[in-house]
Amino acid sequence: MAERNSVSIPLAPWKSSLAGMVAHTVSCSMHPLENIKLRMQAVDRASNNPIPPYRGIFDAIKTMYKQEGIMSLYRGVLVNILAGSLANSIFFYVYAEGK
């Protein structure tokens, strides 16, 4: 069997940082589901909670949409994108430079 020569071309440091930022921003597409999960957990833990109880994910989406609007699913996403993108950017940069 012939041996494959794989050559790894290192990225420029700014490209590694940009890759980290883009990776986190794309991962934030799951933020609405994370938001629903956190609300469902909060309902289970608190007795006097103003958050309505949900019967499941689809019921939570429907209830949040009706009571608070579509933006309730994305509440907090901007902070998540800014902080996480910066952290991922630094991580990818340090990892690329340390290899």
Foldseek 3Di string as FASTA:
>chain_A
DDDDDDDDDADDLQVLLVVQLVVQLVVLVCQLVVLLVVLQVVPVPDDPDPRDHAPDDVRSCVVCCVPPNPCSSVPPSVVSSVVRSNVSSVVSSCVSVVD
